[in-house]
Protein backbone atom coordinates (compact mmCIF):
# COMPACT_ATOMS: atom_id res chain seq x y z
CA MET A 1 -93.60 -23.15 -178.87
CA LYS A 2 -93.69 -20.08 -181.23
CA ASN A 3 -94.62 -20.46 -184.51
CA ASN A 4 -92.42 -19.28 -187.68
CA LYS A 5 -94.31 -16.29 -188.10
CA ASP A 6 -93.83 -15.13 -184.45
CA THR A 7 -90.10 -15.85 -184.95
CA ASP A 8 -89.68 -13.69 -188.08
CA LEU A 9 -91.66 -11.07 -186.42
CA SER A 10 -89.37 -10.96 -183.13
CA GLN A 11 -86.20 -10.72 -185.37
CA LYS A 12 -87.52 -7.69 -187.13
CA VAL A 13 -88.71 -5.61 -183.90
CA LEU A 14 -86.41 -6.83 -181.17
CA PRO A 15 -83.53 -4.43 -180.48
CA PRO A 16 -80.42 -5.13 -182.43
CA GLN A 17 -77.24 -6.42 -180.71
CA PRO A 18 -75.64 -3.66 -178.44
CA ILE A 19 -72.47 -3.22 -180.65
CA LYS A 20 -74.93 -2.85 -183.75
CA ARG A 21 -76.81 -0.07 -181.94
CA PHE A 22 -73.77 2.11 -181.66
CA THR A 23 -72.11 1.26 -185.01
CA ARG A 24 -75.19 1.34 -187.07
CA PRO A 25 -75.32 5.15 -187.17
CA LEU A 26 -71.63 5.28 -188.11
CA VAL A 27 -71.96 2.95 -190.85
CA LEU A 28 -75.13 4.85 -192.33
CA PHE A 29 -73.03 7.84 -192.12
CA LEU A 30 -70.08 6.73 -193.96
CA GLU A 31 -72.41 5.25 -196.64
CA VAL A 32 -74.16 8.39 -197.19
CA GLU A 33 -71.21 10.46 -197.31
CA SER A 34 -69.30 8.54 -199.86
CA ALA A 35 -72.20 8.16 -202.06
CA SER A 36 -73.00 11.93 -201.75
CA GLY A 37 -69.46 12.82 -202.26
CA VAL A 38 -69.84 11.58 -205.84
CA VAL A 39 -73.07 13.79 -206.25
CA LEU A 40 -71.34 16.81 -204.95
CA ILE A 41 -68.49 16.05 -207.63
CA PHE A 42 -71.03 15.97 -210.35
CA CYS A 43 -73.05 18.95 -209.39
CA THR A 44 -69.76 21.09 -208.96
CA ALA A 45 -68.92 20.12 -212.47
CA ILE A 46 -72.25 21.07 -213.77
CA ALA A 47 -72.00 24.48 -212.01
CA LEU A 48 -68.62 25.25 -213.46
CA ILE A 49 -69.60 24.13 -216.90
CA LEU A 50 -72.75 26.41 -216.76
CA ALA A 51 -70.69 29.47 -215.32
CA ASN A 52 -68.11 28.90 -217.99
CA THR A 53 -70.16 28.27 -221.23
CA PRO A 54 -70.92 31.74 -222.64
CA ALA A 55 -74.58 30.46 -223.74
CA THR A 56 -75.51 29.67 -220.20
CA GLU A 57 -73.24 31.79 -218.06
CA GLN A 58 -75.46 34.85 -217.83
CA ALA A 59 -78.58 32.72 -217.17
CA TYR A 60 -76.90 30.79 -214.35
CA HIS A 61 -75.99 33.87 -212.57
CA ASP A 62 -79.56 35.45 -213.02
CA PHE A 63 -81.05 32.32 -211.83
CA TRP A 64 -79.43 32.20 -208.42
CA HIS A 65 -79.95 35.83 -207.90
CA THR A 66 -83.56 35.66 -208.43
CA PRO A 67 -85.17 37.47 -205.32
CA ILE A 68 -87.28 35.43 -203.05
CA TYR A 69 -89.28 37.08 -200.38
CA LEU A 70 -91.75 36.01 -197.72
CA GLN A 71 -94.11 39.16 -196.68
CA LEU A 72 -96.66 39.34 -193.95
CA GLY A 73 -98.08 42.98 -194.16
CA ASP A 74 -95.21 45.36 -193.87
CA TYR A 75 -92.74 42.65 -192.71
CA LYS A 76 -90.65 41.36 -195.31
CA LEU A 77 -87.94 38.62 -195.13
CA GLY A 78 -85.82 37.30 -197.71
CA GLY A 79 -83.07 37.84 -200.44
CA ASP A 80 -81.59 36.20 -203.54
CA LEU A 81 -82.19 32.58 -203.94
CA ALA A 82 -78.70 31.42 -203.55
CA HIS A 83 -77.93 33.60 -200.62
CA PHE A 84 -80.94 33.42 -198.59
CA LEU A 85 -82.74 30.21 -199.41
CA ILE A 86 -79.72 27.89 -199.94
CA ASN A 87 -76.86 29.52 -197.58
CA ASP A 88 -79.18 30.89 -194.92
CA VAL A 89 -82.23 28.69 -194.59
CA LEU A 90 -81.24 25.13 -196.25
CA MET A 91 -77.71 25.31 -194.80
CA THR A 92 -79.09 25.72 -191.39
CA ILE A 93 -80.46 22.12 -191.64
CA PHE A 94 -76.99 21.12 -192.99
CA PHE A 95 -75.39 22.64 -189.84
CA PHE A 96 -78.00 21.14 -187.44
CA VAL A 97 -77.11 17.73 -188.82
CA VAL A 98 -73.40 18.82 -188.14
CA GLY A 99 -74.76 19.52 -184.58
CA LEU A 100 -76.30 16.14 -184.42
CA GLU A 101 -72.86 14.55 -185.66
CA ILE A 102 -70.93 16.65 -182.97
CA LYS A 103 -73.23 15.28 -180.18
CA ARG A 104 -72.94 11.81 -181.27
CA GLU A 105 -69.14 11.77 -181.27
CA LEU A 106 -69.19 13.60 -177.80
CA VAL A 107 -71.66 11.04 -176.28
CA ALA A 108 -70.89 7.57 -178.16
CA GLY A 109 -67.88 8.28 -180.41
CA GLU A 110 -64.11 8.84 -180.56
CA LEU A 111 -64.67 12.25 -178.81
CA ARG A 112 -66.22 10.73 -175.74
CA ASP A 113 -63.04 9.18 -174.53
CA PRO A 114 -60.23 11.72 -173.72
CA ARG A 115 -57.54 9.71 -174.69
CA LYS A 116 -58.95 8.48 -178.09
CA ALA A 117 -60.21 11.90 -178.66
CA ALA A 118 -56.82 13.61 -178.23
CA LEU A 119 -55.35 12.74 -181.44
CA PRO A 120 -58.05 13.69 -183.66
CA ILE A 121 -58.68 16.99 -181.59
CA ALA A 122 -54.76 17.75 -181.80
CA ALA A 123 -54.79 17.00 -185.55
CA ALA A 124 -57.92 19.13 -186.18
CA LEU A 125 -56.25 21.96 -184.09
CA GLY A 126 -53.07 21.92 -186.27
CA GLY A 127 -55.25 21.54 -189.57
CA MET A 128 -56.96 24.81 -188.37
CA ILE A 129 -54.31 27.00 -186.92
CA LEU A 130 -51.39 26.41 -189.52
CA PRO A 131 -53.65 27.04 -192.62
CA ALA A 132 -55.02 30.28 -190.85
CA MET A 133 -51.29 31.26 -190.13
CA ILE A 134 -50.23 30.63 -193.67
CA TYR A 135 -52.92 32.76 -195.19
CA MET A 136 -52.33 35.67 -192.55
CA GLY A 137 -48.64 35.38 -193.47
CA LEU A 138 -49.23 35.67 -197.23
CA GLN A 139 -51.72 38.51 -196.73
CA ALA A 140 -49.95 40.35 -194.00
CA GLN A 141 -49.72 43.33 -196.15
CA HIS A 142 -53.36 43.55 -196.15
CA TRP A 143 -54.02 43.75 -192.41
CA GLY A 144 -57.42 45.49 -191.58
CA GLU A 145 -58.33 45.17 -195.30
CA PRO A 146 -61.02 43.03 -196.83
CA GLU A 147 -58.29 40.56 -198.22
CA PHE A 148 -57.37 39.71 -194.62
CA ARG A 149 -60.80 38.51 -193.66
CA GLY A 150 -60.24 35.25 -195.72
CA TRP A 151 -57.93 33.67 -193.14
CA GLY A 152 -60.83 31.23 -191.89
CA VAL A 153 -61.47 29.88 -195.46
CA PRO A 154 -58.36 27.19 -195.49
CA MET A 155 -59.30 25.93 -192.23
CA ALA A 156 -62.21 23.46 -193.05
CA THR A 157 -62.27 20.00 -194.18
CA ASP A 158 -65.17 18.63 -196.14
CA ILE A 159 -65.97 15.01 -194.81
CA ALA A 160 -68.02 14.15 -197.81
CA PHE A 161 -65.23 14.36 -200.24
CA VAL A 162 -62.73 12.71 -197.92
CA VAL A 163 -64.85 9.85 -197.30
CA GLY A 164 -65.67 9.60 -201.06
CA VAL A 165 -61.82 9.58 -201.81
CA MET A 166 -61.46 7.02 -199.23
CA ALA A 167 -64.32 4.73 -200.57
CA LEU A 168 -62.32 4.78 -204.09
CA LEU A 169 -59.27 3.42 -202.41
CA GLY A 170 -61.23 0.50 -201.04
CA LYS A 171 -60.51 -1.86 -197.96
CA ARG A 172 -56.92 -1.06 -198.20
CA VAL A 173 -57.56 2.12 -196.11
CA PRO A 174 -57.36 1.35 -192.42
CA PHE A 175 -60.42 1.59 -190.37
CA GLY A 176 -58.45 3.52 -187.78
CA LEU A 177 -57.67 6.32 -190.36
CA LYS A 178 -61.36 6.42 -191.40
CA ILE A 179 -62.25 6.89 -187.76
CA MET A 180 -59.77 9.46 -187.00
CA LEU A 181 -60.37 11.68 -189.99
CA LEU A 182 -64.25 11.27 -189.13
CA SER A 183 -63.47 12.62 -185.70
CA LEU A 184 -60.82 15.25 -187.05
CA ALA A 185 -63.72 16.64 -189.35
CA ILE A 186 -66.18 16.79 -186.40
CA ALA A 187 -63.58 18.61 -184.26
CA ASP A 188 -62.94 20.82 -187.22
CA ASP A 189 -66.74 21.56 -187.66
CA ILE A 190 -66.83 22.65 -183.96
CA GLY A 191 -63.87 25.10 -184.78
CA ALA A 192 -65.43 26.38 -187.94
CA VAL A 193 -68.76 27.20 -185.98
CA VAL A 194 -66.88 29.06 -183.24
CA VAL A 195 -64.92 30.90 -185.83
CA ILE A 196 -68.29 31.78 -187.89
CA ALA A 197 -69.96 32.84 -184.56
CA ALA A 198 -66.94 35.03 -183.19
CA PHE A 199 -65.48 36.58 -186.43
CA TYR A 200 -67.84 36.53 -189.04
CA SER A 201 -70.79 38.06 -187.35
CA SER A 202 -71.36 41.87 -187.07
CA GLY A 203 -73.93 44.41 -185.83
CA LEU A 204 -75.04 42.09 -182.96
CA ASP A 205 -78.61 42.83 -181.75
CA TRP A 206 -78.68 41.99 -178.07
CA LEU A 207 -82.33 41.94 -177.79
CA MET A 208 -82.41 39.22 -180.68
CA LEU A 209 -79.73 37.18 -178.98
CA ALA A 210 -81.84 37.26 -175.70
CA LEU A 211 -84.91 36.14 -177.64
CA ALA A 212 -83.09 33.43 -179.38
CA GLY A 213 -81.71 32.35 -175.80
CA GLY A 214 -85.23 32.05 -174.49
CA GLY A 215 -86.11 29.85 -177.40
CA PHE A 216 -83.13 27.57 -176.53
CA GLY A 217 -84.33 27.46 -173.06
CA ILE A 218 -87.80 26.63 -174.14
CA THR A 219 -86.29 23.79 -176.32
CA TYR A 220 -84.23 22.53 -173.37
CA THR A 221 -87.42 22.41 -171.12
CA LEU A 222 -89.53 20.55 -173.67
CA ASN A 223 -86.80 17.90 -173.94
CA ARG A 224 -86.80 17.55 -169.94
CA LEU A 225 -90.61 17.40 -170.18
CA GLY A 226 -90.54 14.51 -172.37
CA VAL A 227 -92.35 16.28 -175.30
CA ARG A 228 -92.07 14.30 -178.26
CA ALA A 229 -94.35 16.30 -180.93
CA VAL A 230 -92.09 17.18 -183.84
CA PRO A 231 -94.27 20.14 -184.97
CA VAL A 232 -93.82 21.73 -181.29
CA TYR A 233 -89.93 21.76 -181.89
CA ILE A 234 -90.43 22.89 -185.76
CA VAL A 235 -92.18 26.12 -184.51
CA VAL A 236 -89.93 26.81 -181.67
CA GLY A 237 -86.83 26.27 -184.05
CA ALA A 238 -88.33 28.48 -186.52
CA PHE A 239 -88.36 31.05 -183.94
CA ILE A 240 -84.87 30.66 -182.71
CA TRP A 241 -83.75 30.82 -186.51
CA LEU A 242 -85.57 34.18 -187.19
CA ALA A 243 -84.00 35.60 -183.82
CA VAL A 244 -80.40 34.66 -184.61
CA TYR A 245 -80.98 35.74 -188.20
CA LYS A 246 -82.02 39.16 -187.06
CA SER A 247 -79.31 39.39 -184.16
CA GLY A 248 -76.62 39.34 -186.48
CA VAL A 249 -75.02 36.04 -186.01
CA HIS A 250 -75.25 33.82 -188.84
CA PRO A 251 -78.46 31.73 -188.44
CA THR A 252 -76.66 28.22 -189.44
CA VAL A 253 -75.03 28.85 -185.63
CA ALA A 254 -78.61 28.25 -184.46
CA GLY A 255 -78.70 24.65 -186.35
CA VAL A 256 -75.52 23.47 -184.52
CA LEU A 257 -76.77 24.52 -181.17
CA LEU A 258 -80.15 22.88 -181.60
CA GLY A 259 -78.44 19.58 -182.86
CA LEU A 260 -76.41 19.63 -179.61
CA LEU A 261 -79.69 20.22 -177.51
CA THR A 262 -81.27 16.81 -179.20
CA PRO A 263 -81.57 14.25 -176.57
CA SER A 264 -79.12 11.19 -177.17
CA SER A 265 -80.96 8.74 -175.25
CA ALA A 266 -84.11 6.75 -176.08
CA TRP A 267 -87.39 7.59 -174.12
CA ILE A 268 -87.95 3.84 -173.68
CA GLY A 269 -85.07 1.60 -172.35
CA ASP A 270 -83.87 -1.48 -173.58
CA LYS A 271 -85.59 -3.81 -170.85
CA THR A 272 -88.90 -1.85 -171.25
CA LEU A 273 -88.61 -2.14 -174.98
CA ILE A 274 -88.13 -5.92 -175.13
CA GLU A 275 -91.20 -6.54 -172.40
CA VAL A 276 -93.81 -4.40 -174.53
CA LEU A 277 -92.65 -6.14 -177.79
CA THR A 278 -92.73 -9.49 -176.26
CA GLU A 279 -96.03 -8.72 -174.97
CA ALA A 280 -97.33 -7.33 -178.14
CA LEU A 281 -95.78 -10.43 -180.26
CA GLN A 282 -97.97 -12.79 -178.01
CA ARG A 283 -101.09 -10.71 -178.58
CA ALA A 284 -100.56 -9.90 -182.34
CA PRO A 285 -102.40 -12.84 -183.57
CA GLY A 286 -106.06 -12.06 -184.45
CA GLU A 287 -108.14 -9.37 -186.09
CA GLY A 288 -110.06 -6.21 -185.44
CA PRO A 289 -109.31 -3.17 -183.10
CA GLU A 290 -107.26 -5.18 -180.66
CA ARG A 291 -104.68 -6.33 -183.56
CA ARG A 292 -104.68 -2.52 -184.58
CA GLU A 293 -104.04 -1.37 -181.12
CA VAL A 294 -101.27 -3.98 -180.64
CA LEU A 295 -99.58 -2.68 -183.94
CA LYS A 296 -99.98 0.98 -182.70
CA THR A 297 -97.97 0.14 -179.49
CA VAL A 298 -95.37 -1.76 -181.27
CA GLU A 299 -94.89 1.29 -183.68
CA PHE A 300 -94.56 3.90 -180.74
CA THR A 301 -92.49 1.51 -178.68
CA ALA A 302 -90.19 0.81 -181.50
CA ARG A 303 -89.95 4.36 -182.52
CA GLU A 304 -89.18 5.51 -178.89
CA GLY A 305 -86.80 2.92 -178.24
CA ILE A 306 -84.40 4.86 -180.61
CA SER A 307 -82.91 8.22 -179.40
CA PRO A 308 -84.23 11.37 -181.09
CA LEU A 309 -80.60 12.01 -182.13
CA GLU A 310 -80.14 8.72 -183.93
CA ARG A 311 -83.78 9.00 -185.46
CA LEU A 312 -83.06 12.39 -186.78
CA GLU A 313 -79.65 11.90 -187.91
CA VAL A 314 -80.54 8.95 -189.81
CA GLY A 315 -83.73 10.63 -191.35
CA LEU A 316 -82.17 14.01 -192.23
CA HIS A 317 -78.50 12.96 -193.30
CA PRO A 318 -79.67 11.62 -196.68
CA TRP A 319 -81.54 14.74 -197.40
CA VAL A 320 -78.50 16.81 -196.40
CA GLY A 321 -76.22 14.65 -198.55
CA PHE A 322 -78.08 14.17 -201.47
CA LEU A 323 -80.14 17.41 -201.72
CA ILE A 324 -79.04 20.34 -199.74
CA MET A 325 -75.19 20.07 -200.26
CA PRO A 326 -75.80 19.48 -203.98
CA LEU A 327 -77.90 22.55 -204.25
CA PHE A 328 -75.24 24.38 -202.28
CA ALA A 329 -72.51 23.20 -204.77
CA LEU A 330 -74.91 24.26 -207.79
CA ALA A 331 -75.33 27.78 -206.30
CA ASN A 332 -72.03 28.55 -205.14
CA ALA A 333 -69.44 26.53 -206.97
CA GLY A 334 -70.29 28.24 -210.40
CA VAL A 335 -67.25 30.47 -210.98
CA HIS A 336 -66.13 31.92 -214.13
CA ILE A 337 -62.27 30.78 -214.05
CA GLU A 338 -59.70 32.68 -215.77
CA PRO A 339 -56.16 31.07 -215.71
CA ALA A 340 -54.71 34.24 -214.55
CA ALA A 341 -56.96 34.46 -211.17
CA ILE A 342 -55.13 31.24 -210.02
CA ALA A 343 -52.04 33.55 -209.33
CA GLU A 344 -54.26 36.19 -207.44
CA PRO A 345 -52.92 36.76 -203.98
CA VAL A 346 -56.32 35.48 -202.15
CA SER A 347 -56.51 32.51 -204.57
CA VAL A 348 -52.78 31.44 -203.60
CA ALA A 349 -53.21 32.20 -200.06
CA VAL A 350 -56.22 29.84 -199.85
CA ALA A 351 -54.95 27.25 -201.96
CA VAL A 352 -51.45 27.17 -199.94
CA GLY A 353 -53.35 27.12 -196.57
CA LEU A 354 -55.36 23.95 -197.86
CA PHE A 355 -52.68 22.04 -199.65
CA VAL A 356 -49.70 22.79 -197.41
CA GLY A 357 -51.05 24.03 -194.26
CA LYS A 358 -53.45 21.20 -193.54
CA PRO A 359 -51.22 18.08 -193.87
CA LEU A 360 -48.16 19.97 -192.02
CA GLY A 361 -50.71 20.99 -189.33
CA VAL A 362 -52.31 17.67 -188.90
CA LEU A 363 -48.87 15.84 -189.04
CA LEU A 364 -47.13 18.32 -186.49
CA PHE A 365 -49.78 18.49 -183.83
CA SER A 366 -50.46 14.77 -184.12
CA TYR A 367 -46.73 14.06 -183.36
CA LEU A 368 -46.54 16.51 -180.63
CA ALA A 369 -49.85 14.61 -179.07
CA VAL A 370 -48.16 11.41 -179.61
CA SER A 371 -44.64 12.50 -178.25
CA LEU A 372 -46.11 14.08 -175.05
CA GLY A 373 -47.96 10.83 -174.44
CA TRP A 374 -51.33 12.24 -174.71
CA ALA A 375 -52.43 10.04 -177.70
CA LYS A 376 -51.24 7.17 -179.94
CA LEU A 377 -51.63 6.21 -183.42
CA PRO A 378 -54.60 4.05 -184.41
CA GLU A 379 -54.03 0.39 -185.29
CA GLY A 380 -52.98 0.16 -189.20
CA VAL A 381 -51.90 3.64 -189.35
CA SER A 382 -48.39 4.93 -189.84
CA TRP A 383 -46.85 8.41 -190.09
CA PRO A 384 -46.71 7.97 -193.94
CA VAL A 385 -50.41 6.86 -193.98
CA LEU A 386 -51.45 9.85 -191.57
CA LEU A 387 -49.63 12.38 -193.95
CA GLY A 388 -51.97 11.02 -196.75
CA GLY A 389 -55.06 11.36 -194.34
CA GLY A 390 -53.79 14.89 -193.71
CA CYS A 391 -53.68 15.68 -197.39
CA LEU A 392 -57.18 14.48 -197.92
CA ALA A 393 -58.04 16.76 -194.91
CA GLY A 394 -56.99 19.36 -197.13
CA ILE A 395 -60.09 19.10 -199.34
CA GLY A 396 -62.14 22.01 -198.08
CA PHE A 397 -64.91 22.68 -200.54
CA THR A 398 -68.35 22.85 -198.90
CA MET A 399 -67.25 24.67 -195.66
CA SER A 400 -64.46 26.63 -197.08
CA LEU A 401 -67.00 27.95 -199.83
CA PHE A 402 -69.33 28.84 -197.09
CA VAL A 403 -66.86 30.68 -194.94
CA ALA A 404 -65.62 32.53 -198.16
CA GLY A 405 -69.26 33.62 -198.98
CA LEU A 406 -69.21 35.06 -195.40
CA ALA A 407 -65.88 36.64 -195.46
CA PHE A 408 -66.08 38.35 -198.82
CA ALA A 409 -69.77 38.91 -198.85
CA ASP A 410 -69.52 42.49 -200.05
CA HIS A 411 -66.30 41.83 -202.40
CA GLU A 412 -67.49 39.77 -205.49
CA ARG A 413 -63.87 39.95 -206.92
CA LEU A 414 -62.27 38.61 -203.77
CA LEU A 415 -65.20 35.90 -203.04
CA ILE A 416 -64.28 34.56 -206.82
CA ASP A 417 -60.71 34.39 -206.19
CA ALA A 418 -61.16 32.46 -202.78
CA LYS A 419 -63.17 29.99 -204.60
CA ILE A 420 -60.66 29.45 -207.29
CA GLY A 421 -58.34 28.94 -204.34
CA VAL A 422 -60.59 26.44 -202.63
CA PHE A 423 -61.04 24.33 -205.85
CA THR A 424 -57.29 24.62 -206.68
CA GLY A 425 -56.26 23.77 -202.85
CA SER A 426 -58.81 20.82 -202.71
CA LEU A 427 -57.76 19.38 -206.16
CA LEU A 428 -54.19 19.24 -205.16
CA SER A 429 -54.96 17.99 -201.69
CA ALA A 430 -57.16 15.13 -203.28
CA ILE A 431 -54.49 13.98 -205.81
CA SER A 432 -51.69 14.15 -203.25
CA GLY A 433 -53.46 12.26 -200.73
CA ILE A 434 -54.41 9.48 -203.00
CA VAL A 435 -50.94 9.21 -204.40
CA ILE A 436 -49.27 8.97 -200.65
CA LEU A 437 -51.90 6.58 -199.50
CA LEU A 438 -51.65 4.23 -202.55
CA LEU A 439 -47.80 4.16 -201.91
CA SER A 440 -47.96 3.74 -198.18
CA LEU A 441 -50.82 1.14 -198.40
CA ARG A 442 -49.49 -0.97 -201.13
CA ARG A 443 -50.70 -4.17 -199.15
CA LYS A 444 -54.11 -4.72 -197.47
CA PRO A 445 -54.10 -4.22 -193.83
CA PRO A 446 -55.08 -7.15 -191.59
CA ALA A 447 -58.28 -8.61 -191.59
CA GLU A 448 -59.41 -7.10 -188.17
CA ASN A 449 -59.16 -3.51 -189.47
CA ASP A 450 -61.44 -4.07 -192.46
């Protein structure tokens, strides 16, 4: 008969129930996103205050333009603080986590089942195509000119802000809507990565791309061989990042691809995990080297009983949510706002794309998918509720600001106008989404949806 100590230990180390193993990453993801959304709003407000206060405006811009370089002999790598360290280096980690999220959804999430994936994928396509078309239509007179390059800015959805807004609305928001918007945002991220790689990269160096491809091949081979040493992957990842950076493709694309290459299955299966831990529990009592050896076995087995994908996502997501994204907001959201700039053509095109194009695209393509029998609305989600969710999808912010920085890297005035358009469109989308959801969700949904 086991004593209480053994029972307590077994409860701590034995694998969780199967359903919890699949839902835990999603629950942790939603918790981090909702909390980080609040931090993101705070940092955005700080950046706007600093950039619009005469006493701090110049110091704010000078700080983020501080040169930062890594030099080895004659080789020099770097740029200014905001563009190089934040947008090129730290945002690669952000996109690596995006790649992990995409892989999780493709392997164990809504995007795994073609029928369940049909609705969020259709909604995401509509939410990307219509905003881009609206922007192109409003900027048609500038075809081939710098102004036209901003068509990718209103295509994005910021899941942190969306989850944060839904958290404010409480349990009245159907769980089906949360899952759909999360899946929509993941599909949206895939589209954003394709757009960045295909349309916002220039002057490709094919030798560097070949070296990067070799690096990805090495990563895949190491995974297949069962190599678990994290420093090895850091070295190979750094090589890949440098090769992609020098190739002309934005280095964040490397982050996504590395995330997709991360193994999604644990090295040690459930049966082996239970056997090893059960034996360890029986041998654990006692002192000396034998006990330490048992504890090492327990630690190793417990760690390798969780897939690298889940372990990395759970470990890195808080750093991304509470450090990298807030730093990005502090560095990129500080725009000197002039009321007249809201009416500038680029600002209007971005704002209308987010505020009008997103919900219309989400609603129209979802309706087509349901009408054709490819998909069905999630439980507890009506068309008015979906319209409210589509409005929330118009909160672009992080990804929209990032794409704007790529589209107008050499045109400061247009970049400022695009950022103002992102703020305007995202704010209008948030307000309209909240109002529509409050009106269409007056009653709390059934308990099974909570």
